[in-house]
Amino acid sequence: MAFPARVPRSELSPSGLLIAEGNIIGSDFSLAVPTVEYGNPAIRLFSLPNPQPGQLLNLTWACFGLGLERLIHQIKNLGRRLEADACFGINEAGLVMATFLASAQFGRCPIGYLKCIKNRDEIALDGASVYPNLREAPTIVLCDFEVKHANVVGFITQEIRQRYPEAEIYFVVFGAMTKDPGLEVASFDDLTGAGIMRAADFAAVFIAATMSPPGIEPPLELR
């Protein structure tokens, strides 16, 4: 199934917002994010306004595909060619993202799967997680569906670096929550998970969209 690179202008709402088969897509905006040395820090992302504040925003497949295409565009415009040794997905939604990116962008590179178990405030990895055999100091693209307050990605990154010493890790996330109601943030540090992502010391960060609390839900409620 092919997804459009953008929602057709015929689907513009009277207010000027784009509608992707049920989801409202806010205007594009630029944001400077952490990136590789001499890389391009500017990415183009879109906001996901929630017409029902206080409730999870359920994404359609069209919106999900639009975000994936936006992420691929950001990766292509990093400023240098990114060749991944593997794409890892955090939980099922991240695994779907990793599968698309591995196939569309990284020459069908190996795919890893990181299944998280959350018990109260603790995070652990399930034995069903999959770790492909990789070369020394590999380049890994880590995919997650959303970044909020919990330091899931920090825990995962530590686990990856223990298993693959000296790995260079690039972080790809569909939705990043903002600290304030305004979704078109001016600074990377206006994102709720900015400190978490900086502490993880990623080689570069790619974000498809910004979102408001309580967050977004992937198609078919992928976990």
N, C-alpha and C. Protein backbone atom coordinates (compact mmCIF):
# COMPACT_ATOMS: atom_id res chain seq x y z
N MET A 1 0.85 -1.20 0.00
CA MET A 1 0.00 0.00 0.00
C MET A 1 0.88 1.24 0.00
N ALA A 2 0.68 2.11 -0.95
CA ALA A 2 1.51 3.32 -1.04
C ALA A 2 0.81 4.47 -0.34
N PHE A 3 1.57 5.23 0.42
CA PHE A 3 1.03 6.39 1.12
C PHE A 3 1.47 7.64 0.41
N PRO A 4 0.64 8.67 0.31
CA PRO A 4 1.05 9.91 -0.34
C PRO A 4 2.12 10.63 0.45
N ALA A 5 3.01 11.33 -0.25
CA ALA A 5 4.05 12.10 0.43
C ALA A 5 3.44 13.22 1.24
N ARG A 6 2.29 13.68 0.84
CA ARG A 6 1.57 14.71 1.58
C ARG A 6 0.09 14.50 1.35
N VAL A 7 -0.72 15.04 2.22
CA VAL A 7 -2.16 14.93 2.04
C VAL A 7 -2.58 15.89 0.94
N PRO A 8 -3.39 15.44 -0.05
CA PRO A 8 -3.79 16.32 -1.15
C PRO A 8 -4.45 17.59 -0.66
N ARG A 9 -4.20 18.69 -1.37
CA ARG A 9 -4.76 19.97 -0.95
C ARG A 9 -6.28 19.96 -0.99
N SER A 10 -6.87 19.06 -1.76
CA SER A 10 -8.33 18.97 -1.80
C SER A 10 -8.90 18.55 -0.44
N GLU A 11 -8.03 18.06 0.45
CA GLU A 11 -8.48 17.63 1.76
C GLU A 11 -8.17 18.67 2.83
N LEU A 12 -7.92 19.91 2.42
CA LEU A 12 -7.73 20.99 3.39
C LEU A 12 -9.05 21.32 4.05
N SER A 13 -9.04 21.48 5.35
CA SER A 13 -10.23 21.89 6.07
C SER A 13 -10.39 23.41 5.92
N PRO A 14 -11.58 23.95 6.22
CA PRO A 14 -11.78 25.41 6.11
C PRO A 14 -10.78 26.20 6.95
N SER A 15 -10.28 25.63 8.03
CA SER A 15 -9.33 26.34 8.89
C SER A 15 -7.91 26.29 8.35
N GLY A 16 -7.71 25.53 7.27
CA GLY A 16 -6.37 25.45 6.67
C GLY A 16 -5.56 24.27 7.15
N LEU A 17 -6.10 23.45 8.05
CA LEU A 17 -5.39 22.28 8.52
C LEU A 17 -5.59 21.12 7.56
N LEU A 18 -4.60 20.25 7.46
CA LEU A 18 -4.69 19.10 6.59
C LEU A 18 -5.37 17.95 7.31
N ILE A 19 -6.15 17.18 6.58
CA ILE A 19 -6.86 16.05 7.16
C ILE A 19 -6.42 14.77 6.45
N ALA A 20 -5.90 13.80 7.19
CA ALA A 20 -5.45 12.53 6.62
C ALA A 20 -6.41 11.43 7.05
N GLU A 21 -7.52 11.30 6.31
CA GLU A 21 -8.50 10.24 6.56
C GLU A 21 -8.88 10.15 8.04
N GLY A 22 -9.23 11.27 8.62
CA GLY A 22 -9.70 11.28 10.00
C GLY A 22 -8.78 11.99 10.97
N ASN A 23 -7.49 12.06 10.68
CA ASN A 23 -6.55 12.78 11.55
C ASN A 23 -6.28 14.16 11.00
N ILE A 24 -6.25 15.14 11.88
CA ILE A 24 -5.91 16.50 11.48
C ILE A 24 -4.40 16.66 11.55
N ILE A 25 -3.80 17.13 10.47
CA ILE A 25 -2.36 17.33 10.40
C ILE A 25 -2.08 18.82 10.42
N GLY A 26 -1.38 19.30 11.44
CA GLY A 26 -1.06 20.71 11.53
C GLY A 26 -0.04 21.13 10.50
N SER A 27 0.24 22.41 10.44
CA SER A 27 1.19 22.93 9.47
C SER A 27 2.60 22.41 9.74
N ASP A 28 3.38 22.30 8.67
CA ASP A 28 4.79 21.93 8.81
C ASP A 28 5.56 23.05 9.49
N PHE A 29 6.61 22.68 10.22
CA PHE A 29 7.51 23.68 10.76
C PHE A 29 8.90 23.07 10.90
N SER A 30 9.90 23.91 11.04
CA SER A 30 11.29 23.45 11.14
C SER A 30 11.72 23.43 12.60
N LEU A 31 12.62 22.51 12.92
CA LEU A 31 13.15 22.39 14.27
C LEU A 31 14.60 21.94 14.19
N ALA A 32 15.46 22.57 14.97
CA ALA A 32 16.86 22.16 15.04
C ALA A 32 17.00 21.06 16.09
N VAL A 33 17.56 19.92 15.70
CA VAL A 33 17.68 18.77 16.60
C VAL A 33 19.15 18.34 16.69
N PRO A 34 19.50 17.56 17.71
CA PRO A 34 20.87 17.04 17.79
C PRO A 34 21.19 16.21 16.55
N THR A 35 22.39 16.38 16.02
CA THR A 35 22.76 15.66 14.80
C THR A 35 24.25 15.40 14.77
N VAL A 36 24.70 14.71 13.73
CA VAL A 36 26.11 14.35 13.58
C VAL A 36 26.95 15.60 13.31
N GLU A 37 28.25 15.47 13.51
CA GLU A 37 29.15 16.57 13.23
C GLU A 37 29.04 16.95 11.76
N TYR A 38 28.89 18.22 11.50
CA TYR A 38 28.73 18.77 10.16
C TYR A 38 27.44 18.31 9.47
N GLY A 39 26.53 17.75 10.26
CA GLY A 39 25.26 17.32 9.71
C GLY A 39 24.26 18.46 9.65
N ASN A 40 23.12 18.20 9.04
CA ASN A 40 22.05 19.19 8.92
C ASN A 40 21.13 19.07 10.12
N PRO A 41 21.11 20.06 11.03
CA PRO A 41 20.28 19.94 12.23
C PRO A 41 18.79 20.24 11.99
N ALA A 42 18.46 20.84 10.86
CA ALA A 42 17.08 21.27 10.61
C ALA A 42 16.24 20.13 10.04
N ILE A 43 15.15 19.81 10.71
CA ILE A 43 14.20 18.83 10.19
C ILE A 43 12.85 19.52 10.00
N ARG A 44 12.05 18.96 9.10
CA ARG A 44 10.69 19.43 8.89
C ARG A 44 9.74 18.40 9.47
N LEU A 45 8.92 18.81 10.42
CA LEU A 45 7.95 17.92 11.02
C LEU A 45 6.59 18.58 11.04
N PHE A 46 5.59 17.84 11.45
CA PHE A 46 4.24 18.41 11.51
C PHE A 46 3.65 18.18 12.89
N SER A 47 2.66 18.96 13.22
CA SER A 47 2.00 18.80 14.51
C SER A 47 0.74 17.95 14.34
N LEU A 48 0.34 17.32 15.45
CA LEU A 48 -0.87 16.50 15.44
C LEU A 48 -1.86 17.07 16.46
N PRO A 49 -2.63 18.09 16.06
CA PRO A 49 -3.63 18.65 16.97
C PRO A 49 -4.64 17.59 17.37
N ASN A 50 -5.04 17.61 18.63
CA ASN A 50 -6.00 16.64 19.14
C ASN A 50 -7.36 17.31 19.30
N PRO A 51 -8.35 16.92 18.49
CA PRO A 51 -9.67 17.55 18.60
C PRO A 51 -10.42 17.19 19.87
N GLN A 52 -9.90 16.19 20.62
CA GLN A 52 -10.52 15.78 21.88
C GLN A 52 -9.47 15.80 22.98
N PRO A 53 -9.15 16.99 23.49
CA PRO A 53 -8.13 17.10 24.54
C PRO A 53 -8.42 16.19 25.72
N GLY A 54 -7.35 15.59 26.24
CA GLY A 54 -7.50 14.69 27.37
C GLY A 54 -7.71 13.25 26.97
N GLN A 55 -7.86 12.98 25.67
CA GLN A 55 -8.01 11.62 25.20
C GLN A 55 -6.89 11.29 24.23
N LEU A 56 -6.51 10.02 24.17
CA LEU A 56 -5.50 9.58 23.22
C LEU A 56 -5.97 9.84 21.80
N LEU A 57 -5.05 10.28 20.96
CA LEU A 57 -5.37 10.52 19.55
C LEU A 57 -5.06 9.26 18.76
N ASN A 58 -6.08 8.62 18.23
CA ASN A 58 -5.91 7.40 17.46
C ASN A 58 -5.49 7.73 16.03
N LEU A 59 -4.34 7.21 15.61
CA LEU A 59 -3.83 7.51 14.28
C LEU A 59 -4.39 6.54 13.24
N THR A 60 -4.61 7.05 12.05
CA THR A 60 -4.99 6.21 10.92
C THR A 60 -3.73 5.69 10.24
N TRP A 61 -3.88 4.68 9.40
CA TRP A 61 -2.74 4.17 8.64
C TRP A 61 -2.18 5.24 7.72
N ALA A 62 -3.06 6.09 7.17
CA ALA A 62 -2.60 7.14 6.27
C ALA A 62 -1.70 8.12 7.00
N CYS A 63 -2.08 8.49 8.22
CA CYS A 63 -1.26 9.41 9.02
C CYS A 63 0.05 8.75 9.42
N PHE A 64 -0.03 7.48 9.79
CA PHE A 64 1.17 6.72 10.16
C PHE A 64 2.13 6.67 8.98
N GLY A 65 1.61 6.39 7.80
CA GLY A 65 2.45 6.35 6.60
C GLY A 65 3.04 7.70 6.25
N LEU A 66 2.26 8.75 6.45
CA LEU A 66 2.76 10.10 6.20
C LEU A 66 3.95 10.40 7.11
N GLY A 67 3.85 10.00 8.38
CA GLY A 67 4.95 10.22 9.31
C GLY A 67 6.19 9.44 8.92
N LEU A 68 6.02 8.19 8.47
CA LEU A 68 7.17 7.39 8.05
C LEU A 68 7.87 8.01 6.84
N GLU A 69 7.09 8.51 5.91
CA GLU A 69 7.70 9.17 4.75
C GLU A 69 8.43 10.43 5.17
N ARG A 70 7.90 11.14 6.15
CA ARG A 70 8.58 12.34 6.65
C ARG A 70 9.92 11.95 7.29
N LEU A 71 9.94 10.86 8.04
CA LEU A 71 11.18 10.40 8.67
C LEU A 71 12.22 10.00 7.63
N ILE A 72 11.79 9.32 6.59
CA ILE A 72 12.71 8.93 5.51
C ILE A 72 13.29 10.16 4.85
N HIS A 73 12.46 11.17 4.65
CA HIS A 73 12.94 12.42 4.04
C HIS A 73 14.00 13.08 4.93
N GLN A 74 13.78 13.08 6.24
CA GLN A 74 14.76 13.66 7.17
C GLN A 74 16.08 12.89 7.12
N ILE A 75 15.99 11.58 7.09
CA ILE A 75 17.20 10.75 7.04
C ILE A 75 17.99 11.02 5.76
N LYS A 76 17.29 11.16 4.65
CA LYS A 76 17.97 11.42 3.37
C LYS A 76 18.65 12.78 3.36
N ASN A 77 18.15 13.70 4.19
CA ASN A 77 18.70 15.05 4.21
C ASN A 77 19.57 15.30 5.44
N LEU A 78 20.12 14.24 5.99
CA LEU A 78 20.98 14.35 7.16
C LEU A 78 22.24 15.17 6.87
N GLY A 79 22.70 15.13 5.64
CA GLY A 79 23.93 15.84 5.28
C GLY A 79 25.05 14.88 4.91
N ARG A 80 24.80 13.61 5.19
CA ARG A 80 25.71 12.54 4.76
C ARG A 80 24.90 11.26 4.67
N ARG A 81 25.40 10.30 3.92
CA ARG A 81 24.66 9.05 3.75
C ARG A 81 24.68 8.24 5.04
N LEU A 82 23.51 7.85 5.50
CA LEU A 82 23.38 7.03 6.69
C LEU A 82 23.18 5.58 6.26
N GLU A 83 24.15 4.74 6.57
CA GLU A 83 24.06 3.31 6.25
C GLU A 83 23.95 2.53 7.56
N ALA A 84 22.82 1.93 7.77
CA ALA A 84 22.55 1.23 9.04
C ALA A 84 22.93 -0.24 8.95
N ASP A 85 23.54 -0.74 10.01
CA ASP A 85 23.81 -2.17 10.11
C ASP A 85 22.57 -2.91 10.60
N ALA A 86 21.69 -2.20 11.30
CA ALA A 86 20.44 -2.81 11.77
C ALA A 86 19.47 -1.72 12.19
N CYS A 87 18.18 -2.04 12.08
CA CYS A 87 17.12 -1.18 12.61
C CYS A 87 16.46 -1.93 13.76
N PHE A 88 16.35 -1.28 14.91
CA PHE A 88 15.71 -1.88 16.08
C PHE A 88 14.38 -1.17 16.35
N GLY A 89 13.36 -1.95 16.65
CA GLY A 89 12.07 -1.39 17.01
C GLY A 89 11.75 -1.64 18.47
N ILE A 90 11.32 -0.59 19.17
CA ILE A 90 10.89 -0.72 20.56
C ILE A 90 9.41 -1.07 20.57
N ASN A 91 9.09 -2.26 21.04
CA ASN A 91 7.73 -2.79 21.06
C ASN A 91 7.17 -2.89 19.63
N GLU A 92 5.90 -3.27 19.53
CA GLU A 92 5.36 -3.61 18.21
C GLU A 92 5.26 -2.42 17.27
N ALA A 93 4.85 -1.26 17.77
CA ALA A 93 4.75 -0.08 16.89
C ALA A 93 6.12 0.32 16.37
N GLY A 94 7.13 0.28 17.25
CA GLY A 94 8.49 0.59 16.82
C GLY A 94 9.01 -0.44 15.84
N LEU A 95 8.61 -1.71 16.03
CA LEU A 95 9.03 -2.77 15.11
C LEU A 95 8.47 -2.54 13.71
N VAL A 96 7.22 -2.10 13.63
CA VAL A 96 6.63 -1.79 12.32
C VAL A 96 7.42 -0.66 11.66
N MET A 97 7.76 0.37 12.42
CA MET A 97 8.56 1.47 11.88
C MET A 97 9.91 0.97 11.40
N ALA A 98 10.57 0.14 12.22
CA ALA A 98 11.88 -0.39 11.86
C ALA A 98 11.82 -1.22 10.59
N THR A 99 10.74 -1.99 10.42
CA THR A 99 10.58 -2.82 9.23
C THR A 99 10.45 -1.97 7.98
N PHE A 100 9.63 -0.93 8.05
CA PHE A 100 9.47 -0.03 6.90
C PHE A 100 10.79 0.65 6.56
N LEU A 101 11.48 1.17 7.56
CA LEU A 101 12.72 1.89 7.30
C LEU A 101 13.82 0.97 6.78
N ALA A 102 13.92 -0.22 7.35
CA ALA A 102 14.93 -1.17 6.89
C ALA A 102 14.72 -1.51 5.42
N SER A 103 13.47 -1.68 5.03
CA SER A 103 13.17 -2.05 3.65
C SER A 103 13.28 -0.87 2.69
N ALA A 104 12.74 0.27 3.09
CA ALA A 104 12.66 1.41 2.18
C ALA A 104 13.93 2.23 2.11
N GLN A 105 14.71 2.26 3.20
CA GLN A 105 15.83 3.19 3.27
C GLN A 105 17.19 2.51 3.44
N PHE A 106 17.22 1.35 4.06
CA PHE A 106 18.51 0.76 4.46
C PHE A 106 18.80 -0.60 3.84
N GLY A 107 18.32 -0.82 2.62
CA GLY A 107 18.68 -2.01 1.89
C GLY A 107 18.33 -3.33 2.56
N ARG A 108 17.20 -3.36 3.25
CA ARG A 108 16.74 -4.56 3.96
C ARG A 108 17.77 -5.04 4.97
N CYS A 109 18.29 -4.12 5.77
CA CYS A 109 19.26 -4.47 6.80
C CYS A 109 18.58 -5.33 7.87
N PRO A 110 19.34 -6.01 8.73
CA PRO A 110 18.75 -6.81 9.81
C PRO A 110 17.85 -5.97 10.71
N ILE A 111 16.86 -6.64 11.30
CA ILE A 111 15.89 -5.97 12.17
C ILE A 111 15.95 -6.57 13.57
N GLY A 112 16.03 -5.71 14.57
CA GLY A 112 16.00 -6.14 15.96
C GLY A 112 14.67 -5.76 16.61
N TYR A 113 14.32 -6.45 17.66
CA TYR A 113 13.05 -6.23 18.35
C TYR A 113 13.29 -6.14 19.85
N LEU A 114 12.82 -5.07 20.46
CA LEU A 114 13.02 -4.84 21.89
C LEU A 114 11.65 -4.77 22.57
N LYS A 115 11.28 -5.83 23.25
CA LYS A 115 9.98 -5.91 23.89
C LYS A 115 10.10 -5.51 25.35
N CYS A 116 9.47 -4.38 25.69
CA CYS A 116 9.58 -3.84 27.04
C CYS A 116 8.49 -4.40 27.96
N ILE A 117 8.86 -4.60 29.21
CA ILE A 117 7.92 -4.98 30.26
C ILE A 117 7.97 -3.88 31.31
N LYS A 118 6.82 -3.28 31.59
CA LYS A 118 6.76 -2.22 32.59
C LYS A 118 6.00 -2.72 33.82
N ASN A 119 6.68 -2.73 34.96
CA ASN A 119 6.09 -3.07 36.23
C ASN A 119 6.21 -1.86 37.16
N ARG A 120 5.08 -1.18 37.34
CA ARG A 120 5.08 0.06 38.11
C ARG A 120 6.07 1.04 37.49
N ASP A 121 7.12 1.39 38.20
CA ASP A 121 8.07 2.36 37.66
C ASP A 121 9.33 1.70 37.09
N GLU A 122 9.33 0.37 36.98
CA GLU A 122 10.50 -0.33 36.48
C GLU A 122 10.30 -0.79 35.04
N ILE A 123 11.39 -0.83 34.29
CA ILE A 123 11.36 -1.28 32.91
C ILE A 123 12.33 -2.44 32.75
N ALA A 124 11.92 -3.47 32.05
CA ALA A 124 12.79 -4.60 31.76
C ALA A 124 12.51 -5.05 30.34
N LEU A 125 13.41 -5.88 29.80
CA LEU A 125 13.23 -6.41 28.46
C LEU A 125 12.82 -7.88 28.52
N ASP A 126 11.82 -8.20 27.74
CA ASP A 126 11.30 -9.56 27.68
C ASP A 126 12.29 -10.46 26.94
N GLY A 127 12.27 -11.76 27.28
CA GLY A 127 13.13 -12.72 26.61
C GLY A 127 12.81 -12.89 25.14
N ALA A 128 11.65 -12.38 24.69
CA ALA A 128 11.27 -12.48 23.28
C ALA A 128 12.00 -11.45 22.41
N SER A 129 12.74 -10.56 23.03
CA SER A 129 13.50 -9.56 22.27
C SER A 129 14.50 -10.25 21.34
N VAL A 130 14.76 -9.62 20.20
CA VAL A 130 15.63 -10.21 19.17
C VAL A 130 16.83 -9.32 18.91
N TYR A 131 18.02 -9.91 18.95
CA TYR A 131 19.27 -9.17 18.73
C TYR A 131 20.05 -9.82 17.58
N PRO A 132 20.07 -9.20 16.41
CA PRO A 132 20.83 -9.80 15.30
C PRO A 132 22.34 -9.72 15.54
N ASN A 133 23.07 -10.64 14.92
CA ASN A 133 24.53 -10.59 14.97
C ASN A 133 25.03 -9.45 14.10
N LEU A 134 25.84 -8.57 14.67
CA LEU A 134 26.32 -7.39 13.95
C LEU A 134 27.83 -7.28 14.07
N ARG A 135 28.43 -6.49 13.19
CA ARG A 135 29.86 -6.24 13.23
C ARG A 135 30.21 -5.43 14.48
N GLU A 136 31.48 -5.29 14.76
CA GLU A 136 31.91 -4.46 15.88
C GLU A 136 31.59 -3.00 15.61
N ALA A 137 31.27 -2.26 16.67
CA ALA A 137 30.93 -0.84 16.57
C ALA A 137 29.92 -0.58 15.45
N PRO A 138 28.76 -1.22 15.51
CA PRO A 138 27.78 -1.07 14.42
C PRO A 138 27.05 0.27 14.45
N THR A 139 26.43 0.57 13.31
CA THR A 139 25.53 1.73 13.21
C THR A 139 24.11 1.21 13.36
N ILE A 140 23.42 1.70 14.38
CA ILE A 140 22.08 1.19 14.69
C ILE A 140 21.06 2.33 14.64
N VAL A 141 19.94 2.06 13.98
CA VAL A 141 18.81 2.99 13.96
C VAL A 141 17.76 2.45 14.92
N LEU A 142 17.48 3.20 15.96
CA LEU A 142 16.53 2.79 17.00
C LEU A 142 15.20 3.50 16.78
N CYS A 143 14.12 2.74 16.66
CA CYS A 143 12.81 3.31 16.34
C CYS A 143 11.83 3.17 17.50
N ASP A 144 11.18 4.25 17.84
CA ASP A 144 10.16 4.24 18.88
C ASP A 144 8.96 5.03 18.39
N PHE A 145 7.78 4.66 18.89
CA PHE A 145 6.57 5.33 18.41
C PHE A 145 6.39 6.71 19.02
N GLU A 146 6.71 6.87 20.31
CA GLU A 146 6.53 8.18 20.93
C GLU A 146 7.49 8.37 22.10
N VAL A 147 7.76 9.62 22.39
CA VAL A 147 8.59 10.00 23.53
C VAL A 147 7.78 10.93 24.41
N LYS A 148 7.62 10.55 25.69
CA LYS A 148 6.89 11.38 26.64
C LYS A 148 7.81 11.71 27.82
N HIS A 149 7.40 11.29 29.03
CA HIS A 149 8.16 11.58 30.25
C HIS A 149 9.07 10.41 30.66
N ALA A 150 8.59 9.19 30.47
CA ALA A 150 9.33 8.02 30.94
C ALA A 150 10.62 7.82 30.15
N ASN A 151 11.66 7.41 30.86
CA ASN A 151 12.97 7.25 30.22
C ASN A 151 13.14 5.85 29.65
N VAL A 152 12.18 5.41 28.87
CA VAL A 152 12.27 4.09 28.24
C VAL A 152 13.44 4.05 27.27
N VAL A 153 13.57 5.10 26.46
CA VAL A 153 14.61 5.10 25.44
C VAL A 153 16.01 5.15 26.06
N GLY A 154 16.14 5.78 27.21
CA GLY A 154 17.43 5.81 27.89
C GLY A 154 17.82 4.42 28.36
N PHE A 155 16.87 3.70 28.94
CA PHE A 155 17.11 2.32 29.39
C PHE A 155 17.47 1.43 28.21
N ILE A 156 16.71 1.55 27.13
CA ILE A 156 16.95 0.73 25.94
C ILE A 156 18.33 1.01 25.35
N THR A 157 18.69 2.27 25.31
CA THR A 157 19.98 2.65 24.73
C THR A 157 21.14 2.06 25.53
N GLN A 158 21.03 2.06 26.85
CA GLN A 158 22.06 1.45 27.69
C GLN A 158 22.18 -0.04 27.39
N GLU A 159 21.05 -0.71 27.23
CA GLU A 159 21.06 -2.13 26.93
C GLU A 159 21.73 -2.42 25.58
N ILE A 160 21.42 -1.58 24.59
CA ILE A 160 22.01 -1.77 23.26
C ILE A 160 23.52 -1.57 23.31
N ARG A 161 23.97 -0.56 24.05
CA ARG A 161 25.41 -0.29 24.11
C ARG A 161 26.16 -1.38 24.89
N GLN A 162 25.49 -2.00 25.85
CA GLN A 162 26.13 -3.12 26.55
C GLN A 162 26.28 -4.33 25.63
N ARG A 163 25.28 -4.55 24.79
CA ARG A 163 25.32 -5.70 23.89
C ARG A 163 26.18 -5.43 22.66
N TYR A 164 26.18 -4.18 22.20
CA TYR A 164 26.97 -3.80 21.02
C TYR A 164 27.88 -2.63 21.42
N PRO A 165 29.03 -2.91 22.01
CA PRO A 165 29.93 -1.84 22.46
C PRO A 165 30.33 -0.91 21.31
N GLU A 166 30.41 0.37 21.65
CA GLU A 166 30.82 1.42 20.71
C GLU A 166 29.85 1.58 19.54
N ALA A 167 28.60 1.16 19.73
CA ALA A 167 27.60 1.34 18.68
C ALA A 167 27.30 2.83 18.48
N GLU A 168 27.10 3.22 17.24
CA GLU A 168 26.64 4.57 16.92
C GLU A 168 25.13 4.47 16.71
N ILE A 169 24.38 5.16 17.56
CA ILE A 169 22.92 4.98 17.57
C ILE A 169 22.21 6.25 17.09
N TYR A 170 21.33 6.06 16.12
CA TYR A 170 20.47 7.13 15.60
C TYR A 170 19.05 6.85 16.09
N PHE A 171 18.37 7.88 16.55
CA PHE A 171 17.04 7.70 17.14
C PHE A 171 15.96 8.25 16.22
N VAL A 172 14.99 7.40 15.91
CA VAL A 172 13.86 7.77 15.06
C VAL A 172 12.58 7.61 15.87
N VAL A 173 11.81 8.68 16.01
CA VAL A 173 10.58 8.60 16.79
C VAL A 173 9.44 9.26 16.02
N PHE A 174 8.27 8.65 16.08
CA PHE A 174 7.13 9.21 15.36
C PHE A 174 6.62 10.47 16.06
N GLY A 175 6.24 10.36 17.32
CA GLY A 175 5.64 11.50 18.02
C GLY A 175 6.42 11.92 19.24
N ALA A 176 6.65 13.22 19.37
CA ALA A 176 7.33 13.78 20.54
C ALA A 176 6.38 14.74 21.24
N MET A 177 6.18 14.53 22.54
CA MET A 177 5.25 15.37 23.30
C MET A 177 5.88 16.72 23.62
N THR A 178 5.07 17.77 23.60
CA THR A 178 5.54 19.11 23.92
C THR A 178 5.19 19.47 25.36
N LYS A 179 5.98 20.38 25.94
CA LYS A 179 5.75 20.79 27.33
C LYS A 179 4.53 21.71 27.44
N ASP A 180 4.32 22.53 26.43
CA ASP A 180 3.21 23.49 26.43
C ASP A 180 2.16 23.09 25.40
N PRO A 181 0.96 23.65 25.49
CA PRO A 181 -0.10 23.30 24.54
C PRO A 181 0.27 23.57 23.08
N GLY A 182 1.09 24.60 22.84
CA GLY A 182 1.49 24.91 21.47
C GLY A 182 2.36 23.81 20.90
N LEU A 183 2.00 23.28 19.76
CA LEU A 183 2.72 22.14 19.19
C LEU A 183 3.84 22.56 18.25
N GLU A 184 3.79 23.76 17.73
CA GLU A 184 4.86 24.23 16.84
C GLU A 184 5.96 24.85 17.70
N VAL A 185 6.76 24.00 18.30
CA VAL A 185 7.79 24.46 19.24
C VAL A 185 8.93 25.15 18.51
N ALA A 186 9.58 26.09 19.21
CA ALA A 186 10.69 26.84 18.62
C ALA A 186 12.03 26.20 18.93
N SER A 187 12.07 25.36 19.98
CA SER A 187 13.33 24.77 20.41
C SER A 187 13.15 23.29 20.73
N PHE A 188 14.17 22.52 20.46
CA PHE A 188 14.18 21.10 20.79
C PHE A 188 13.91 20.89 22.29
N ASP A 189 14.41 21.79 23.11
CA ASP A 189 14.24 21.67 24.56
C ASP A 189 12.83 21.96 25.03
N ASP A 190 11.94 22.39 24.11
CA ASP A 190 10.53 22.54 24.44
C ASP A 190 9.78 21.22 24.38
N LEU A 191 10.48 20.15 23.99
CA LEU A 191 9.88 18.82 23.98
C LEU A 191 10.02 18.18 25.35
N THR A 192 9.00 17.47 25.79
CA THR A 192 9.01 16.84 27.10
C THR A 192 10.20 15.90 27.28
N GLY A 193 10.53 15.16 26.25
CA GLY A 193 11.62 14.19 26.34
C GLY A 193 12.96 14.69 25.87
N ALA A 194 13.14 15.99 25.76
CA ALA A 194 14.41 16.54 25.25
C ALA A 194 15.59 16.10 26.11
N GLY A 195 15.45 16.22 27.44
CA GLY A 195 16.53 15.84 28.33
C GLY A 195 16.87 14.37 28.22
N ILE A 196 15.84 13.53 28.06
CA ILE A 196 16.04 12.09 27.91
C ILE A 196 16.83 11.80 26.64
N MET A 197 16.44 12.43 25.55
CA MET A 197 17.12 12.18 24.27
C MET A 197 18.55 12.72 24.28
N ARG A 198 18.77 13.87 24.91
CA ARG A 198 20.14 14.41 24.99
C ARG A 198 21.02 13.49 25.84
N ALA A 199 20.48 13.00 26.95
CA ALA A 199 21.27 12.15 27.85
C ALA A 199 21.65 10.83 27.18
N ALA A 200 20.83 10.37 26.23
CA ALA A 200 21.11 9.11 25.54
C ALA A 200 22.27 9.25 24.56
N ASP A 201 22.66 10.48 24.26
CA ASP A 201 23.82 10.76 23.41
C ASP A 201 23.69 10.09 22.04
N PHE A 202 22.57 10.33 21.38
CA PHE A 202 22.36 9.79 20.03
C PHE A 202 23.22 10.54 19.02
N ALA A 203 23.59 9.84 17.95
CA ALA A 203 24.34 10.49 16.88
C ALA A 203 23.47 11.54 16.20
N ALA A 204 22.18 11.26 16.07
CA ALA A 204 21.23 12.20 15.48
C ALA A 204 19.82 11.77 15.88
N VAL A 205 18.90 12.72 15.83
CA VAL A 205 17.51 12.47 16.20
C VAL A 205 16.61 12.86 15.03
N PHE A 206 15.61 12.03 14.75
CA PHE A 206 14.62 12.30 13.70
C PHE A 206 13.23 12.19 14.31
N ILE A 207 12.37 13.17 14.04
CA ILE A 207 11.03 13.22 14.63
C ILE A 207 10.02 13.51 13.53
N ALA A 208 8.94 12.74 13.47
CA ALA A 208 7.93 12.97 12.44
C ALA A 208 6.95 14.07 12.85
N ALA A 209 6.52 14.06 14.13
CA ALA A 209 5.45 14.97 14.54
C ALA A 209 5.53 15.30 16.02
N THR A 210 4.88 16.40 16.40
CA THR A 210 4.72 16.75 17.80
C THR A 210 3.28 16.45 18.22
N MET A 211 3.10 16.20 19.51
CA MET A 211 1.78 15.81 20.01
C MET A 211 1.58 16.39 21.40
N SER A 212 0.33 16.40 21.84
CA SER A 212 0.00 16.92 23.17
C SER A 212 -0.42 15.76 24.07
N PRO A 213 -0.42 15.96 25.40
CA PRO A 213 -0.88 14.91 26.32
C PRO A 213 -2.33 14.55 26.02
N PRO A 214 -2.73 13.30 26.25
CA PRO A 214 -1.94 12.20 26.83
C PRO A 214 -1.11 11.43 25.82
N GLY A 215 -1.15 11.80 24.53
CA GLY A 215 -0.34 11.12 23.55
C GLY A 215 -1.13 10.58 22.38
N ILE A 216 -0.49 9.71 21.61
CA ILE A 216 -1.10 9.17 20.39
C ILE A 216 -1.14 7.65 20.48
N GLU A 217 -2.05 7.06 19.75
CA GLU A 217 -2.22 5.62 19.72
C GLU A 217 -1.98 5.14 18.29
N PRO A 218 -1.12 4.13 18.08
CA PRO A 218 -0.84 3.68 16.72
C PRO A 218 -2.01 2.94 16.11
N PRO A 219 -2.03 2.76 14.78
CA PRO A 219 -3.10 2.01 14.15
C PRO A 219 -3.22 0.60 14.73
N LEU A 220 -4.43 0.09 14.84
CA LEU A 220 -4.72 -1.23 15.39
C LEU A 220 -4.22 -1.39 16.82
N GLU A 221 -3.95 -0.27 17.50
CA GLU A 221 -3.46 -0.27 18.88
C GLU A 221 -2.21 -1.14 19.05
N LEU A 222 -1.31 -1.04 18.08
CA LEU A 222 -0.02 -1.73 18.19
C LEU A 222 0.67 -1.30 19.48
N ARG A 223 1.27 -2.20 20.19
CA ARG A 223 1.96 -1.87 21.44
C ARG A 223 3.45 -1.92 21.22
